[in-house]
Amino acid sequence: MTPTFRDGSPRRPLTAFARLHHQAATPLLLPNAWDHASAAALTAQGFQAIGTTSLGVAAAAGLPDGAAATLDATLALARRLGEGSFLFTVDAEGGFSDDPEEVARLARELRDAGAAGINLEDGRPDGTLAPAELHAAKIAAVKASAPALFVNARTDTHWLGVQEEETAARLAVYERAGADGAFVPGLSDPDAIATLTAALTVPLNILYTPAGPTLAELAALGVRRVSLGSLLYRSALAAAVATATAVRDGHRPPSDLGTLSYAEVQALALPDAPPPPGSSGHWEITDA
């Protein structure tokens, strides 16, 4: 059973990862990695915690995202990250199962691998939403099985553009089930964001989009966590294609694209090793 206070509300452990959602100055900016190198490079730039991106993990493995096809790849990445000193949370789609006990088993495996959190979404591959009660049952099972794991309960009402009027009600159900945070990707309207932050008792997570509110604007609206989602992975793919096509077409790669040196990338696999010769100890982006 999930520990509760006398009024019946869930007792949420204030872990090191949870505390990052309650910083006074700015929201937790959570960049999303798709492999060990991307996680290490982001950590080296001072990010306090990282998330994984389900799209990046799926695409890198040649599998579809959101189709419960990447359980093994997700666990493998979590175990690899857990071998290091990363503070990380895992995007686990809908838990890769509609059986709450199966999702709880996954949560225990992620916790044992070293994960600090899990992201669970209620969107389904067919573009519909799972019943709120089913998603709540998954959340409750996870919190009962791995209480210290930070559960970020995601509703895809705005991401899928369905049942948007149910957003607040769904999140309230997930809160009561024990969710530590609430995530509404696709929501960018400032008034709607402010309304949600006023109604929630857990931190609100918003997906950053270049055309949406800035980090400072989201902070002013009461948002406590901002995810980059698949933005970094998609940007990396675009940079790779731009570089390759420029060389093929007889041009120099775009000047605004940078590269890490060979030695710096090698060092990502050995984060405790001394910096390579000529390095300041920080990853310096240089022109290709």
Protein backbone atom coordinates (compact mmCIF):
# COMPACT_ATOMS: atom_id res chain seq x y z
CA MET A 1 0.00 0.00 0.00
CA THR A 2 1.11 3.56 -0.70
CA PRO A 3 1.93 5.38 2.58
CA THR A 4 -0.62 8.10 3.37
CA PHE A 5 -1.17 10.98 5.73
CA ARG A 6 -4.07 10.94 8.18
CA ASP A 7 -6.31 12.73 5.68
CA GLY A 8 -5.76 9.88 3.19
CA SER A 9 -3.53 11.83 0.80
CA PRO A 10 -0.42 10.02 -0.46
CA ARG A 11 2.85 10.53 1.40
CA ARG A 12 5.46 11.45 -1.22
CA PRO A 13 9.12 10.80 -0.39
CA LEU A 14 11.28 13.90 -0.80
CA THR A 15 14.18 12.23 -2.58
CA ALA A 16 17.12 14.11 -4.12
CA PHE A 17 15.34 13.99 -7.47
CA ALA A 18 12.03 15.13 -5.98
CA ARG A 19 13.74 18.09 -4.32
CA LEU A 20 14.85 19.37 -7.73
CA HIS A 21 11.16 20.04 -8.47
CA HIS A 22 10.94 22.45 -5.54
CA GLN A 23 13.87 24.77 -6.24
CA ALA A 24 13.00 28.39 -5.57
CA ALA A 25 14.57 30.09 -8.58
CA THR A 26 13.76 28.14 -11.73
CA PRO A 27 12.00 24.97 -12.85
CA LEU A 28 13.97 21.77 -13.30
CA LEU A 29 15.08 21.81 -16.93
CA LEU A 30 15.24 18.16 -17.90
CA PRO A 31 17.13 17.36 -21.13
CA ASN A 32 16.33 13.96 -22.60
CA ALA A 33 19.06 11.52 -23.63
CA TRP A 34 18.82 8.48 -25.89
CA ASP A 35 22.08 6.71 -25.06
CA HIS A 36 25.00 6.79 -22.64
CA ALA A 37 27.01 9.33 -24.63
CA SER A 38 24.19 11.87 -24.83
CA ALA A 39 23.50 11.45 -21.11
CA ALA A 40 27.17 11.88 -20.24
CA ALA A 41 27.59 14.93 -22.47
CA LEU A 42 24.55 16.64 -20.93
CA THR A 43 25.67 15.83 -17.40
CA ALA A 44 29.11 17.24 -18.19
CA GLN A 45 27.43 20.54 -19.03
CA GLY A 46 26.03 20.80 -15.50
CA PHE A 47 22.49 19.47 -15.88
CA GLN A 48 21.46 18.14 -12.49
CA ALA A 49 19.32 15.34 -13.86
CA ILE A 50 18.37 13.87 -17.21
CA GLY A 51 15.42 12.03 -18.66
CA THR A 52 15.33 9.48 -21.44
CA THR A 53 13.36 10.08 -24.62
CA SER A 54 11.15 7.22 -25.74
CA LEU A 55 11.26 8.44 -29.35
CA GLY A 56 15.05 8.60 -29.34
CA VAL A 57 15.40 5.16 -27.76
CA ALA A 58 12.88 3.67 -30.19
CA ALA A 59 14.25 5.34 -33.32
CA ALA A 60 17.84 4.44 -32.45
CA ALA A 61 16.74 0.79 -32.23
CA GLY A 62 14.69 0.94 -35.44
CA LEU A 63 11.43 0.51 -33.54
CA PRO A 64 8.20 2.56 -33.35
CA ASP A 65 7.61 4.86 -30.39
CA GLY A 66 4.49 4.56 -28.27
CA ALA A 67 3.77 1.01 -29.41
CA ALA A 68 5.16 -0.89 -26.39
CA ALA A 69 7.97 -2.19 -28.60
CA THR A 70 10.97 -0.90 -26.64
CA LEU A 71 10.78 -2.57 -23.24
CA ASP A 72 14.13 -4.31 -23.64
CA ALA A 73 15.85 -1.24 -25.08
CA THR A 74 14.47 0.95 -22.30
CA LEU A 75 15.66 -1.39 -19.58
CA ALA A 76 19.06 -1.80 -21.24
CA LEU A 77 19.57 1.96 -21.31
CA ALA A 78 18.47 2.35 -17.69
CA ARG A 79 20.94 -0.34 -16.61
CA ARG A 80 23.76 1.30 -18.55
CA LEU A 81 22.99 4.71 -17.06
CA GLY A 82 22.69 3.15 -13.63
CA GLU A 83 26.30 2.03 -13.85
CA GLY A 84 27.34 5.68 -13.72
CA SER A 85 26.59 8.53 -11.36
CA PHE A 86 23.65 9.89 -13.34
CA LEU A 87 20.48 11.12 -11.66
CA PHE A 88 17.93 10.06 -14.23
CA THR A 89 14.28 9.34 -14.91
CA VAL A 90 12.94 6.98 -17.55
CA ASP A 91 10.27 7.58 -20.18
CA ALA A 92 8.44 4.26 -20.08
CA GLU A 93 5.50 5.03 -22.41
CA GLY A 94 2.43 3.51 -20.73
CA GLY A 95 4.49 1.02 -18.75
CA PHE A 96 4.55 -1.44 -21.68
CA SER A 97 1.48 -3.18 -20.24
CA ASP A 98 -2.10 -2.58 -19.14
CA ASP A 99 -1.57 -4.90 -16.17
CA PRO A 100 -0.73 -2.70 -13.15
CA GLU A 101 1.32 -5.50 -11.59
CA GLU A 102 3.42 -5.82 -14.75
CA VAL A 103 4.02 -2.06 -14.68
CA ALA A 104 4.98 -2.30 -11.00
CA ARG A 105 7.46 -5.05 -11.87
CA LEU A 106 9.01 -2.78 -14.50
CA ALA A 107 9.20 0.03 -11.94
CA ARG A 108 11.12 -2.21 -9.55
CA GLU A 109 13.55 -3.15 -12.31
CA LEU A 110 14.11 0.51 -13.15
CA ARG A 111 14.60 1.37 -9.47
CA ASP A 112 17.06 -1.50 -9.08
CA ALA A 113 18.89 -0.26 -12.18
CA GLY A 114 19.36 3.12 -10.50
CA ALA A 115 16.52 5.22 -11.95
CA ALA A 116 15.14 8.02 -9.78
CA GLY A 117 11.87 8.37 -11.65
CA ILE A 118 9.50 7.02 -14.25
CA ASN A 119 7.26 8.76 -16.75
CA LEU A 120 3.94 7.00 -17.43
CA GLU A 121 1.57 8.19 -20.15
CA ASP A 122 -2.13 7.51 -20.65
CA GLY A 123 -2.06 7.85 -24.45
CA ARG A 124 -2.48 4.72 -26.55
CA PRO A 125 -1.02 3.81 -29.97
CA ASP A 126 -4.44 4.13 -31.61
CA GLY A 127 -4.72 7.79 -30.61
CA THR A 128 -7.13 7.24 -27.72
CA LEU A 129 -6.64 7.63 -23.99
CA ALA A 130 -6.55 4.80 -21.50
CA PRO A 131 -9.33 4.97 -18.89
CA ALA A 132 -8.19 7.29 -16.11
CA GLU A 133 -8.93 4.60 -13.52
CA LEU A 134 -6.62 2.13 -15.28
CA HIS A 135 -3.79 4.66 -15.45
CA ALA A 136 -4.36 5.51 -11.79
CA ALA A 137 -4.14 1.81 -10.93
CA LYS A 138 -0.73 1.64 -12.63
CA ILE A 139 0.46 4.67 -10.66
CA ALA A 140 -0.78 3.23 -7.38
CA ALA A 141 0.86 -0.12 -8.10
CA VAL A 142 4.18 1.56 -8.87
CA LYS A 143 4.09 3.68 -5.71
CA ALA A 144 3.24 0.63 -3.60
CA SER A 145 6.05 -1.36 -5.17
CA ALA A 146 8.75 1.34 -5.41
CA PRO A 147 7.70 4.25 -3.17
CA ALA A 148 10.87 6.31 -3.72
CA LEU A 149 10.53 6.25 -7.51
CA PHE A 150 9.25 9.65 -8.69
CA VAL A 151 6.16 8.97 -10.81
CA ASN A 152 5.50 11.66 -13.40
CA ALA A 153 1.92 11.02 -14.51
CA ARG A 154 1.45 12.12 -18.10
CA THR A 155 -1.89 12.78 -19.70
CA ASP A 156 -1.97 13.01 -23.49
CA THR A 157 -5.19 15.00 -23.77
CA HIS A 158 -3.38 17.91 -25.44
CA TRP A 159 -0.69 15.83 -27.14
CA LEU A 160 -3.33 13.80 -28.98
CA GLY A 161 -5.90 16.59 -29.10
CA VAL A 162 -8.62 14.48 -27.48
CA GLN A 163 -10.74 15.03 -24.37
CA GLU A 164 -8.80 18.19 -23.52
CA GLU A 165 -11.60 19.30 -21.20
CA GLU A 166 -10.80 16.27 -19.00
CA THR A 167 -7.18 17.28 -18.38
CA ALA A 168 -7.60 18.66 -14.85
CA ALA A 169 -9.95 15.85 -13.79
CA ARG A 170 -7.57 13.18 -15.05
CA LEU A 171 -4.63 14.74 -13.25
CA ALA A 172 -6.65 14.91 -10.04
CA VAL A 173 -7.27 11.17 -10.28
CA TYR A 174 -3.56 10.54 -10.85
CA GLU A 175 -2.65 12.76 -7.89
CA ARG A 176 -4.94 10.78 -5.61
CA ALA A 177 -3.33 7.57 -6.84
CA GLY A 178 0.05 8.82 -5.61
CA ALA A 179 1.64 10.54 -8.61
CA ASP A 180 4.56 12.77 -7.62
CA GLY A 181 4.25 15.04 -10.65
CA ALA A 182 1.91 15.78 -13.55
CA PHE A 183 2.94 16.10 -17.20
CA VAL A 184 0.84 17.65 -19.98
CA PRO A 185 2.82 17.63 -23.25
CA GLY A 186 1.29 19.72 -25.99
CA LEU A 187 -0.09 22.31 -23.58
CA SER A 188 1.34 25.76 -24.28
CA ASP A 189 -1.47 28.22 -23.58
CA PRO A 190 -0.32 30.40 -20.64
CA ASP A 191 -3.77 30.79 -19.11
CA ALA A 192 -4.43 27.05 -19.21
CA ILE A 193 -1.03 26.33 -17.69
CA ALA A 194 -1.61 28.83 -14.88
CA THR A 195 -5.02 27.29 -14.17
CA LEU A 196 -3.48 23.84 -13.85
CA THR A 197 -0.63 24.93 -11.58
CA ALA A 198 -3.17 26.57 -9.29
CA ALA A 199 -5.26 23.40 -9.12
CA LEU A 200 -2.49 20.84 -8.69
CA THR A 201 -0.78 19.92 -5.45
CA VAL A 202 2.13 18.23 -7.29
CA PRO A 203 4.66 19.88 -9.64
CA LEU A 204 3.50 20.49 -13.20
CA ASN A 205 5.77 19.39 -16.05
CA ILE A 206 5.48 21.08 -19.45
CA LEU A 207 7.16 20.02 -22.69
CA TYR A 208 9.28 22.85 -24.07
CA THR A 209 8.69 23.82 -27.68
CA PRO A 210 10.64 26.52 -29.53
CA ALA A 211 7.40 28.30 -30.44
CA GLY A 212 5.95 28.11 -26.92
CA PRO A 213 6.63 29.97 -23.67
CA THR A 214 10.26 30.44 -22.63
CA LEU A 215 11.72 28.84 -19.53
CA ALA A 216 11.35 32.12 -17.65
CA GLU A 217 7.73 32.48 -18.75
CA LEU A 218 6.93 28.93 -17.68
CA ALA A 219 8.54 29.61 -14.31
CA ALA A 220 6.33 32.67 -13.86
CA LEU A 221 3.28 30.48 -14.57
CA GLY A 222 4.24 28.11 -11.74
CA VAL A 223 5.66 25.28 -13.84
CA ARG A 224 8.21 23.26 -11.83
CA ARG A 225 9.65 20.96 -14.49
CA VAL A 226 10.34 21.54 -18.18
CA SER A 227 11.24 18.61 -20.42
CA LEU A 228 12.95 18.82 -23.79
CA GLY A 229 11.47 15.52 -24.95
CA SER A 230 12.77 14.36 -28.32
CA LEU A 231 13.97 17.85 -29.32
CA LEU A 232 17.65 17.05 -28.75
CA TYR A 233 17.49 13.74 -30.61
CA ARG A 234 15.70 15.31 -33.56
CA SER A 235 18.19 18.21 -33.56
CA ALA A 236 21.10 15.76 -33.55
CA LEU A 237 19.65 13.89 -36.53
CA ALA A 238 19.12 17.15 -38.40
CA ALA A 239 22.71 18.22 -37.70
CA ALA A 240 24.05 14.87 -38.91
CA VAL A 241 22.07 15.08 -42.15
CA ALA A 242 23.04 18.72 -42.72
CA THR A 243 26.74 17.89 -42.27
CA ALA A 244 26.66 14.84 -44.54
CA THR A 245 24.74 16.55 -47.34
CA ALA A 246 26.98 19.63 -47.19
CA VAL A 247 30.10 17.50 -47.68
CA ARG A 248 28.42 15.47 -50.43
CA ASP A 249 27.40 18.62 -52.27
CA GLY A 250 30.87 20.16 -52.14
CA HIS A 251 30.20 22.62 -49.32
CA ARG A 252 31.67 23.03 -45.87
CA PRO A 253 29.34 21.99 -43.06
CA PRO A 254 27.19 24.85 -41.70
CA SER A 255 29.30 27.10 -39.50
CA ASP A 256 26.75 27.03 -36.68
CA LEU A 257 27.17 23.27 -36.27
CA GLY A 258 29.84 22.20 -33.82
CA THR A 259 31.51 18.93 -32.97
CA LEU A 260 33.12 17.38 -29.94
CA SER A 261 36.63 16.11 -30.48
CA TYR A 262 37.32 12.39 -30.78
CA ALA A 263 39.06 12.43 -27.39
CA GLU A 264 36.15 14.20 -25.73
CA VAL A 265 33.64 11.65 -27.01
CA GLN A 266 35.93 8.82 -25.91
CA ALA A 267 36.07 10.41 -22.47
CA LEU A 268 32.26 10.27 -22.17
CA ALA A 269 32.56 6.54 -21.55
CA LEU A 270 35.03 7.22 -18.73
CA PRO A 271 33.58 10.17 -16.81
CA ASP A 272 36.08 9.83 -13.96
CA ALA A 273 39.13 9.84 -16.21
CA PRO A 274 41.33 12.96 -16.48
CA PRO A 275 40.29 15.34 -19.28
CA PRO A 276 42.08 14.80 -22.60
CA PRO A 277 45.16 16.93 -23.35
CA GLY A 278 44.24 20.47 -24.33
CA SER A 279 40.76 20.18 -22.78
CA SER A 280 39.53 22.53 -20.07
CA GLY A 281 37.60 19.70 -18.46
CA HIS A 282 34.36 21.00 -20.00
CA TRP A 283 33.06 19.87 -23.37
CA GLU A 284 34.08 22.58 -25.80
CA ILE A 285 32.04 22.69 -28.99
CA THR A 286 34.29 23.53 -31.95
CA ASP A 287 33.57 23.94 -35.62
CA ALA A 288 33.77 20.79 -37.71
